[in-house]
Amino acid sequence: MRHPRSVYLVDSHAAAAPPALPPRAGRARRCTGLAQTILFMLASVALIGLVLEALLIFYLHSNNSVQMPSTPRSKLTADKKASPHISTHHRPLSKPLARLIEKKVSPHTCTPDSKPVAHLMDGKDATHGKSVVGWSLISGRLLCGMEYKNGSLLIRREGFYFVYSKLSFHNGATFHHTVMKRTSRHPGGTVPLLQARQFSSADNKNNGNTFLGGVFHLHKDDALFVNVSDTSKILRVRAYENVFGAFMT
């Protein structure tokens, strides 16, 4: 038994569905061009503003530079006319006047309320004995409430004092460095307060340094001085390398 065949009919004249059209680019292109134009205009305005600001700053700076030298001069002239006691300090002070002013405003000016203090240094005018070290009267001398006489510091007020001494010396032998006190309260008259001993061989050509310092109770009219084994061993190159002093604590 044969089955009937199915027959399909195709209408070739039926209208086919049209393909999808791409989006129109004209409007988007116009929007992009407008945005670029606006950004370009804004950037141009900002650049012009920066240029104008730079020109204005340059103009103000140039104008101030031209007027600055004349301004203080005119102000000083007006102040001088208003008050004849104002000095412009155009002329340097004479040397005697400068020394007098420096002495008056010196921070080392001694007053009745100042604590005793002394600081002595080596110098060309310092004369050493065989064992007693001498000190300069002009090289960095500081004396307040104390006196210096014949290589000794004289105490004028009882109290506790920090006493110190520093010396530079040539090596090559034994060198003793001692701070002594001369007082009427001791039977022997002198008392060693501080001492240092340096030992070196004869072939040692290096220079040495020694420093002594300590606090002591001193009475009025006590005298302090520096004693060494041989003053010819003291190295005398710079004044501040050899010092001696004391101050009330």
C-alpha atoms as a PDB file:
ATOM      1  CA  MET A   1       0.000   0.000   0.000  1.00  0.00           C
ATOM      2  CA  ARG A   2       1.584   3.273  -1.002  1.00  0.00           C
ATOM      3  CA  HIS A   3       1.453   6.323   1.178  1.00  0.00           C
ATOM      4  CA  PRO A   4       0.577   9.554  -0.470  1.00  0.00           C
ATOM      5  CA  ARG A   5       3.462  11.997  -0.750  1.00  0.00           C
ATOM      6  CA  SER A   6       3.188  15.335   0.950  1.00  0.00           C
ATOM      7  CA  VAL A   7       3.363  18.268  -1.336  1.00  0.00           C
ATOM      8  CA  TYR A   8       4.602  21.695  -0.143  1.00  0.00           C
ATOM      9  CA  LEU A   9       4.028  24.866  -2.054  1.00  0.00           C
ATOM     10  CA  VAL A  10       6.399  27.791  -1.833  1.00  0.00           C
ATOM     11  CA  ASP A  11       5.261  31.265  -2.734  1.00  0.00           C
ATOM     12  CA  SER A  12       8.216  32.920  -4.388  1.00  0.00           C
ATOM     13  CA  HIS A  13       6.429  36.199  -4.612  1.00  0.00           C
ATOM     14  CA  ALA A  14       5.933  36.584  -0.854  1.00  0.00           C
ATOM     15  CA  ALA A  15       7.657  39.714   0.550  1.00  0.00           C
ATOM     16  CA  ALA A  16      10.782  38.874   2.497  1.00  0.00           C
ATOM     17  CA  ALA A  17      11.395  40.631   5.848  1.00  0.00           C
ATOM     18  CA  PRO A  18      13.775  43.620   5.331  1.00  0.00           C
ATOM     19  CA  PRO A  19      17.165  43.511   7.169  1.00  0.00           C
ATOM     20  CA  ALA A  20      17.705  45.659  10.261  1.00  0.00           C
ATOM     21  CA  LEU A  21      19.075  49.093   9.452  1.00  0.00           C
ATOM     22  CA  PRO A  22      22.218  50.400  11.270  1.00  0.00           C
ATOM     23  CA  PRO A  23      21.751  53.346  13.669  1.00  0.00           C
ATOM     24  CA  ARG A  24      22.177  56.763  12.258  1.00  0.00           C
ATOM     25  CA  ALA A  25      25.587  58.211  13.090  1.00  0.00           C
ATOM     26  CA  GLY A  26      24.920  61.748  12.139  1.00  0.00           C
ATOM     27  CA  ARG A  27      23.413  62.854  15.447  1.00  0.00           C
ATOM     28  CA  ALA A  28      26.111  61.220  17.628  1.00  0.00           C
ATOM     29  CA  ARG A  29      28.795  62.709  15.436  1.00  0.00           C
ATOM     30  CA  ARG A  30      27.294  66.146  15.824  1.00  0.00           C
ATOM     31  CA  CYS A  31      27.174  65.758  19.654  1.00  0.00           C
ATOM     32  CA  THR A  32      30.819  64.662  19.794  1.00  0.00           C
ATOM     33  CA  GLY A  33      31.941  67.584  17.662  1.00  0.00           C
ATOM     34  CA  LEU A  34      30.028  70.035  19.835  1.00  0.00           C
ATOM     35  CA  ALA A  35      31.607  68.640  23.052  1.00  0.00           C
ATOM     36  CA  GLN A  36      35.097  68.880  21.571  1.00  0.00           C
ATOM     37  CA  THR A  37      34.451  72.460  20.541  1.00  0.00           C
ATOM     38  CA  ILE A  38      33.291  73.381  24.056  1.00  0.00           C
ATOM     39  CA  LEU A  39      36.325  71.696  25.660  1.00  0.00           C
ATOM     40  CA  PHE A  40      38.662  73.485  23.261  1.00  0.00           C
ATOM     41  CA  MET A  41      37.061  76.834  24.114  1.00  0.00           C
ATOM     42  CA  LEU A  42      37.351  76.190  27.858  1.00  0.00           C
ATOM     43  CA  ALA A  43      41.005  75.167  27.538  1.00  0.00           C
ATOM     44  CA  SER A  44      41.719  78.292  25.487  1.00  0.00           C
ATOM     45  CA  VAL A  45      40.075  80.524  28.089  1.00  0.00           C
ATOM     46  CA  ALA A  46      42.078  78.880  30.899  1.00  0.00           C
ATOM     47  CA  LEU A  47      45.336  79.274  28.975  1.00  0.00           C
ATOM     48  CA  ILE A  48      44.613  82.928  28.256  1.00  0.00           C
ATOM     49  CA  GLY A  49      43.877  83.459  31.964  1.00  0.00           C
ATOM     50  CA  LEU A  50      47.214  81.921  32.969  1.00  0.00           C
ATOM     51  CA  VAL A  51      49.078  84.102  30.478  1.00  0.00           C
ATOM     52  CA  LEU A  52      47.341  87.253  31.759  1.00  0.00           C
ATOM     53  CA  GLU A  53      48.067  86.298  35.377  1.00  0.00           C
ATOM     54  CA  ALA A  54      51.755  85.734  34.591  1.00  0.00           C
ATOM     55  CA  LEU A  55      51.973  89.111  32.843  1.00  0.00           C
ATOM     56  CA  LEU A  56      50.294  90.837  35.790  1.00  0.00           C
ATOM     57  CA  ILE A  57      52.686  89.226  38.310  1.00  0.00           C
ATOM     58  CA  PHE A  58      55.695  90.198  36.178  1.00  0.00           C
ATOM     59  CA  TYR A  59      54.433  93.778  35.940  1.00  0.00           C
ATOM     60  CA  LEU A  60      53.878  94.083  39.702  1.00  0.00           C
ATOM     61  CA  HIS A  61      57.288  92.554  40.468  1.00  0.00           C
ATOM     62  CA  SER A  62      59.050  94.914  38.052  1.00  0.00           C
ATOM     63  CA  ASN A  63      57.227  97.920  39.466  1.00  0.00           C
ATOM     64  CA  ASN A  64      58.148  97.005  43.066  1.00  0.00           C
ATOM     65  CA  SER A  65      61.788  96.383  42.127  1.00  0.00           C
ATOM     66  CA  VAL A  66      62.038  99.855  40.642  1.00  0.00           C
ATOM     67  CA  GLN A  67      60.390 101.585  43.606  1.00  0.00           C
ATOM     68  CA  MET A  68      62.042  99.662  46.465  1.00  0.00           C
ATOM     69  CA  PRO A  69      65.428 101.510  46.527  1.00  0.00           C
ATOM     70  CA  SER A  70      63.773 104.913  46.815  1.00  0.00           C
ATOM     71  CA  THR A  71      61.189 103.977  49.461  1.00  0.00           C
ATOM     72  CA  PRO A  72      63.496 103.472  52.479  1.00  0.00           C
ATOM     73  CA  ARG A  73      65.486 106.562  51.567  1.00  0.00           C
ATOM     74  CA  SER A  74      62.424 108.785  51.493  1.00  0.00           C
ATOM     75  CA  LYS A  75      61.129 107.194  54.704  1.00  0.00           C
ATOM     76  CA  LEU A  76      64.438 107.775  56.474  1.00  0.00           C
ATOM     77  CA  THR A  77      64.457 111.383  55.298  1.00  0.00           C
ATOM     78  CA  ALA A  78      60.930 111.936  56.594  1.00  0.00           C
ATOM     79  CA  ASP A  79      61.757 110.279  59.924  1.00  0.00           C
ATOM     80  CA  LYS A  80      64.900 112.351  60.263  1.00  0.00           C
ATOM     81  CA  LYS A  81      62.945 115.578  59.685  1.00  0.00           C
ATOM     82  CA  ALA A  82      60.276 114.515  62.152  1.00  0.00           C
ATOM     83  CA  SER A  83      62.741 113.529  64.887  1.00  0.00           C
ATOM     84  CA  PRO A  84      66.316 114.864  64.750  1.00  0.00           C
ATOM     85  CA  HIS A  85      67.386 112.357  67.450  1.00  0.00           C
ATOM     86  CA  ILE A  86      67.056 109.332  65.165  1.00  0.00           C
ATOM     87  CA  SER A  87      70.390 108.200  63.767  1.00  0.00           C
ATOM     88  CA  THR A  88      70.672 106.401  60.435  1.00  0.00           C
ATOM     89  CA  HIS A  89      74.096 104.926  61.380  1.00  0.00           C
ATOM     90  CA  HIS A  90      75.617 105.798  58.037  1.00  0.00           C
ATOM     91  CA  ARG A  91      78.979 106.567  59.611  1.00  0.00           C
ATOM     92  CA  PRO A  92      80.868 103.862  61.525  1.00  0.00           C
ATOM     93  CA  LEU A  93      81.604 104.451  65.181  1.00  0.00           C
ATOM     94  CA  SER A  94      85.093 105.429  66.195  1.00  0.00           C
ATOM     95  CA  LYS A  95      87.200 102.688  67.770  1.00  0.00           C
ATOM     96  CA  PRO A  96      87.339 104.226  71.292  1.00  0.00           C
ATOM     97  CA  LEU A  97      83.569 104.736  71.285  1.00  0.00           C
ATOM     98  CA  ALA A  98      82.998 101.211  69.982  1.00  0.00           C
ATOM     99  CA  ARG A  99      85.181  99.774  72.761  1.00  0.00           C
ATOM    100  CA  LEU A 100      83.307 101.825  75.362  1.00  0.00           C
ATOM    101  CA  ILE A 101      79.934 100.624  74.096  1.00  0.00           C
ATOM    102  CA  GLU A 102      81.140  97.038  73.938  1.00  0.00           C
ATOM    103  CA  LYS A 103      82.393  97.283  77.508  1.00  0.00           C
ATOM    104  CA  LYS A 104      79.067  98.653  78.746  1.00  0.00           C
ATOM    105  CA  VAL A 105      76.944  95.992  77.056  1.00  0.00           C
ATOM    106  CA  SER A 106      79.367  93.150  77.710  1.00  0.00           C
ATOM    107  CA  PRO A 107      77.623  90.077  79.180  1.00  0.00           C
ATOM    108  CA  HIS A 108      80.573  89.787  81.598  1.00  0.00           C
ATOM    109  CA  THR A 109      79.846  93.101  83.288  1.00  0.00           C
ATOM    110  CA  CYS A 110      80.308  92.561  87.015  1.00  0.00           C
ATOM    111  CA  THR A 111      77.569  93.812  89.342  1.00  0.00           C
ATOM    112  CA  PRO A 112      77.311  93.684  93.152  1.00  0.00           C
ATOM    113  CA  ASP A 113      74.841  90.800  92.827  1.00  0.00           C
ATOM    114  CA  SER A 114      77.055  88.775  90.480  1.00  0.00           C
ATOM    115  CA  LYS A 115      78.623  85.574  91.749  1.00  0.00           C
ATOM    116  CA  PRO A 116      82.441  85.561  91.774  1.00  0.00           C
ATOM    117  CA  VAL A 117      83.924  84.166  88.588  1.00  0.00           C
ATOM    118  CA  ALA A 118      87.389  84.160  87.022  1.00  0.00           C
ATOM    119  CA  HIS A 119      88.793  82.817  83.769  1.00  0.00           C
ATOM    120  CA  LEU A 120      92.452  83.326  82.854  1.00  0.00           C
ATOM    121  CA  MET A 121      94.316  82.359  79.680  1.00  0.00           C
ATOM    122  CA  ASP A 122      97.865  82.158  78.451  1.00  0.00           C
ATOM    123  CA  GLY A 123      99.307  85.086  76.535  1.00  0.00           C
ATOM    124  CA  LYS A 124     102.452  86.892  75.447  1.00  0.00           C
ATOM    125  CA  ASP A 125     102.441  88.995  78.605  1.00  0.00           C
ATOM    126  CA  ALA A 126     102.152  85.934  80.868  1.00  0.00           C
ATOM    127  CA  THR A 127     105.329  85.311  82.842  1.00  0.00           C
ATOM    128  CA  HIS A 128     105.925  81.827  84.234  1.00  0.00           C
ATOM    129  CA  GLY A 129     108.072  81.027  87.206  1.00  0.00           C
ATOM    130  CA  LYS A 130     110.064  77.834  87.435  1.00  0.00           C
ATOM    131  CA  SER A 131     107.053  75.891  88.654  1.00  0.00           C
ATOM    132  CA  VAL A 132     104.220  78.432  89.082  1.00  0.00           C
ATOM    133  CA  VAL A 133     102.249  79.126  85.905  1.00  0.00           C
ATOM    134  CA  GLY A 134     101.621  82.780  85.058  1.00  0.00           C
ATOM    135  CA  TRP A 135      98.570  84.124  83.242  1.00  0.00           C
ATOM    136  CA  SER A 136      97.797  86.950  80.869  1.00  0.00           C
ATOM    137  CA  LEU A 137      96.226  90.231  81.972  1.00  0.00           C
ATOM    138  CA  ILE A 138      94.958  91.132  78.499  1.00  0.00           C
ATOM    139  CA  SER A 139      94.229  87.859  76.692  1.00  0.00           C
ATOM    140  CA  GLY A 140      90.608  86.847  77.358  1.00  0.00           C
ATOM    141  CA  ARG A 141      90.728  87.755  81.041  1.00  0.00           C
ATOM    142  CA  LEU A 142      87.520  87.560  83.069  1.00  0.00           C
ATOM    143  CA  LEU A 143      87.517  88.652  86.712  1.00  0.00           C
ATOM    144  CA  CYS A 144      84.403  89.341  88.750  1.00  0.00           C
ATOM    145  CA  GLY A 145      84.459  89.326  92.558  1.00  0.00           C
ATOM    146  CA  MET A 146      87.990  87.905  92.508  1.00  0.00           C
ATOM    147  CA  GLU A 147      91.491  89.302  92.028  1.00  0.00           C
ATOM    148  CA  TYR A 148      94.610  88.127  90.229  1.00  0.00           C
ATOM    149  CA  LYS A 149      98.046  88.766  91.698  1.00  0.00           C
ATOM    150  CA  ASN A 150     101.416  87.095  91.075  1.00  0.00           C
ATOM    151  CA  GLY A 151      99.948  84.062  89.350  1.00  0.00           C
ATOM    152  CA  SER A 152      97.247  83.521  92.012  1.00  0.00           C
ATOM    153  CA  LEU A 153      93.493  84.027  92.150  1.00  0.00           C
ATOM    154  CA  LEU A 154      92.439  85.706  95.389  1.00  0.00           C
ATOM    155  CA  ILE A 155      89.074  84.717  96.863  1.00  0.00           C
ATOM    156  CA  ARG A 156      87.028  87.634  98.239  1.00  0.00           C
ATOM    157  CA  ARG A 157      83.806  85.803  99.176  1.00  0.00           C
ATOM    158  CA  GLU A 158      83.444  82.555 101.082  1.00  0.00           C
ATOM    159  CA  GLY A 159      81.538  79.761  99.384  1.00  0.00           C
ATOM    160  CA  PHE A 160      81.721  76.671  97.219  1.00  0.00           C
ATOM    161  CA  TYR A 161      83.711  77.119  93.999  1.00  0.00           C
ATOM    162  CA  PHE A 162      84.298  74.985  90.949  1.00  0.00           C
ATOM    163  CA  VAL A 163      88.033  75.221  90.252  1.00  0.00           C
ATOM    164  CA  TYR A 164      89.555  74.094  86.931  1.00  0.00           C
ATOM    165  CA  SER A 165      92.767  74.185  84.931  1.00  0.00           C
ATOM    166  CA  LYS A 166      93.774  72.858  81.506  1.00  0.00           C
ATOM    167  CA  LEU A 167      97.312  72.730  80.092  1.00  0.00           C
ATOM    168  CA  SER A 168      99.012  71.547  76.902  1.00  0.00           C
ATOM    169  CA  PHE A 169     102.565  70.293  77.247  1.00  0.00           C
ATOM    170  CA  HIS A 170     105.461  68.618  75.433  1.00  0.00           C
ATOM    171  CA  ASN A 171     105.921  64.916  76.087  1.00  0.00           C
ATOM    172  CA  GLY A 172     109.291  63.320  76.669  1.00  0.00           C
ATOM    173  CA  ALA A 173     109.408  63.285  80.462  1.00  0.00           C
ATOM    174  CA  THR A 174     107.229  63.206  83.548  1.00  0.00           C
ATOM    175  CA  PHE A 175     104.857  66.170  83.791  1.00  0.00           C
ATOM    176  CA  HIS A 176     103.010  67.088  87.001  1.00  0.00           C
ATOM    177  CA  HIS A 177     100.009  69.431  86.926  1.00  0.00           C
ATOM    178  CA  THR A 178      98.615  70.612  90.281  1.00  0.00           C
ATOM    179  CA  VAL A 179      96.081  73.195  91.463  1.00  0.00           C
ATOM    180  CA  MET A 180      97.207  74.517  94.845  1.00  0.00           C
ATOM    181  CA  LYS A 181      95.484  76.517  97.567  1.00  0.00           C
ATOM    182  CA  ARG A 182      97.379  78.955  99.761  1.00  0.00           C
ATOM    183  CA  THR A 183      95.597  79.606 103.041  1.00  0.00           C
ATOM    184  CA  SER A 184      96.345  80.841 106.523  1.00  0.00           C
ATOM    185  CA  ARG A 185      94.073  78.132 107.933  1.00  0.00           C
ATOM    186  CA  HIS A 186      96.599  75.393 107.161  1.00  0.00           C
ATOM    187  CA  PRO A 187      99.844  75.015 109.138  1.00  0.00           C
ATOM    188  CA  GLY A 188     101.918  74.398 106.020  1.00  0.00           C
ATOM    189  CA  GLY A 189     100.415  77.365 104.172  1.00  0.00           C
ATOM    190  CA  THR A 190      99.635  75.468 100.937  1.00  0.00           C
ATOM    191  CA  VAL A 191      97.293  72.576 100.194  1.00  0.00           C
ATOM    192  CA  PRO A 192      97.076  70.624  96.888  1.00  0.00           C
ATOM    193  CA  LEU A 193      93.493  70.510  95.627  1.00  0.00           C
ATOM    194  CA  LEU A 194      93.858  68.712  92.271  1.00  0.00           C
ATOM    195  CA  GLN A 195      96.745  66.893  90.622  1.00  0.00           C
ATOM    196  CA  ALA A 196      97.504  64.974  87.428  1.00  0.00           C
ATOM    197  CA  ARG A 197     100.704  63.126  86.508  1.00  0.00           C
ATOM    198  CA  GLN A 198     101.668  62.296  82.953  1.00  0.00           C
ATOM    199  CA  PHE A 199     104.453  59.794  82.206  1.00  0.00           C
ATOM    200  CA  SER A 200     106.060  59.395  78.778  1.00  0.00           C
ATOM    201  CA  SER A 201     109.310  58.085  77.369  1.00  0.00           C
ATOM    202  CA  ALA A 202     112.108  60.334  76.188  1.00  0.00           C
ATOM    203  CA  ASP A 203     111.519  59.451  72.520  1.00  0.00           C
ATOM    204  CA  ASN A 204     107.813  60.370  72.653  1.00  0.00           C
ATOM    205  CA  LYS A 205     107.517  63.568  70.633  1.00  0.00           C
ATOM    206  CA  ASN A 206     103.711  63.861  70.748  1.00  0.00           C
ATOM    207  CA  ASN A 207     102.060  66.662  72.693  1.00  0.00           C
ATOM    208  CA  GLY A 208      99.852  65.973  75.695  1.00  0.00           C
ATOM    209  CA  ASN A 209      96.893  67.597  77.460  1.00  0.00           C
ATOM    210  CA  THR A 210      95.812  67.544  81.056  1.00  0.00           C
ATOM    211  CA  PHE A 211      92.624  68.855  82.680  1.00  0.00           C
ATOM    212  CA  LEU A 212      91.735  69.244  86.350  1.00  0.00           C
ATOM    213  CA  GLY A 213      88.424  70.277  87.875  1.00  0.00           C
ATOM    214  CA  GLY A 214      86.535  69.997  91.166  1.00  0.00           C
ATOM    215  CA  VAL A 215      84.329  71.765  93.722  1.00  0.00           C
ATOM    216  CA  PHE A 216      85.837  73.112  96.955  1.00  0.00           C
ATOM    217  CA  HIS A 217      84.794  75.250  99.890  1.00  0.00           C
ATOM    218  CA  LEU A 218      86.990  78.332  99.916  1.00  0.00           C
ATOM    219  CA  HIS A 219      87.311  81.093 102.482  1.00  0.00           C
ATOM    220  CA  LYS A 220      87.983  84.782 102.065  1.00  0.00           C
ATOM    221  CA  ASP A 221      91.652  85.599 101.319  1.00  0.00           C
ATOM    222  CA  ASP A 222      92.405  82.061 100.107  1.00  0.00           C
ATOM    223  CA  ALA A 223      94.613  82.023  97.003  1.00  0.00           C
ATOM    224  CA  LEU A 224      94.577  79.539  94.125  1.00  0.00           C
ATOM    225  CA  PHE A 225      97.459  78.940  91.726  1.00  0.00           C
ATOM    226  CA  VAL A 226      98.689  76.343  89.211  1.00  0.00           C
ATOM    227  CA  ASN A 227     101.929  74.518  89.857  1.00  0.00           C
ATOM    228  CA  VAL A 228     103.760  72.231  87.378  1.00  0.00           C
ATOM    229  CA  SER A 229     106.923  70.182  87.452  1.00  0.00           C
ATOM    230  CA  ASP A 230     108.561  72.370  84.775  1.00  0.00           C
ATOM    231  CA  THR A 231     106.943  75.394  83.114  1.00  0.00           C
ATOM    232  CA  SER A 232     109.289  75.091  80.104  1.00  0.00           C
ATOM    233  CA  LYS A 233     107.345  71.956  79.099  1.00  0.00           C
ATOM    234  CA  ILE A 234     104.138  73.956  78.630  1.00  0.00           C
ATOM    235  CA  LEU A 235     103.113  74.187  74.977  1.00  0.00           C
ATOM    236  CA  ARG A 236     102.408  77.841  74.223  1.00  0.00           C
ATOM    237  CA  VAL A 237     100.891  78.073  70.757  1.00  0.00           C
ATOM    238  CA  ARG A 238      97.335  79.330  71.324  1.00  0.00           C
ATOM    239  CA  ALA A 239      96.180  81.264  74.374  1.00  0.00           C
ATOM    240  CA  TYR A 240      93.038  79.186  74.880  1.00  0.00           C
ATOM    241  CA  GLU A 241      95.000  75.932  75.118  1.00  0.00           C
ATOM    242  CA  ASN A 242      96.133  76.849  78.641  1.00  0.00           C
ATOM    243  CA  VAL A 243      93.439  78.136  80.985  1.00  0.00           C
ATOM    244  CA  PHE A 244      92.781  78.534  84.691  1.00  0.00           C
ATOM    245  CA  GLY A 245      89.676  79.681  86.514  1.00  0.00           C
ATOM    246  CA  ALA A 246      87.033  79.280  89.204  1.00  0.00           C
ATOM    247  CA  PHE A 247      83.417  80.274  89.780  1.00  0.00           C
ATOM    248  CA  MET A 248      81.036  80.150  92.722  1.00  0.00           C
ATOM    249  CA  THR A 249      78.405  77.449  92.426  1.00  0.00           C
END
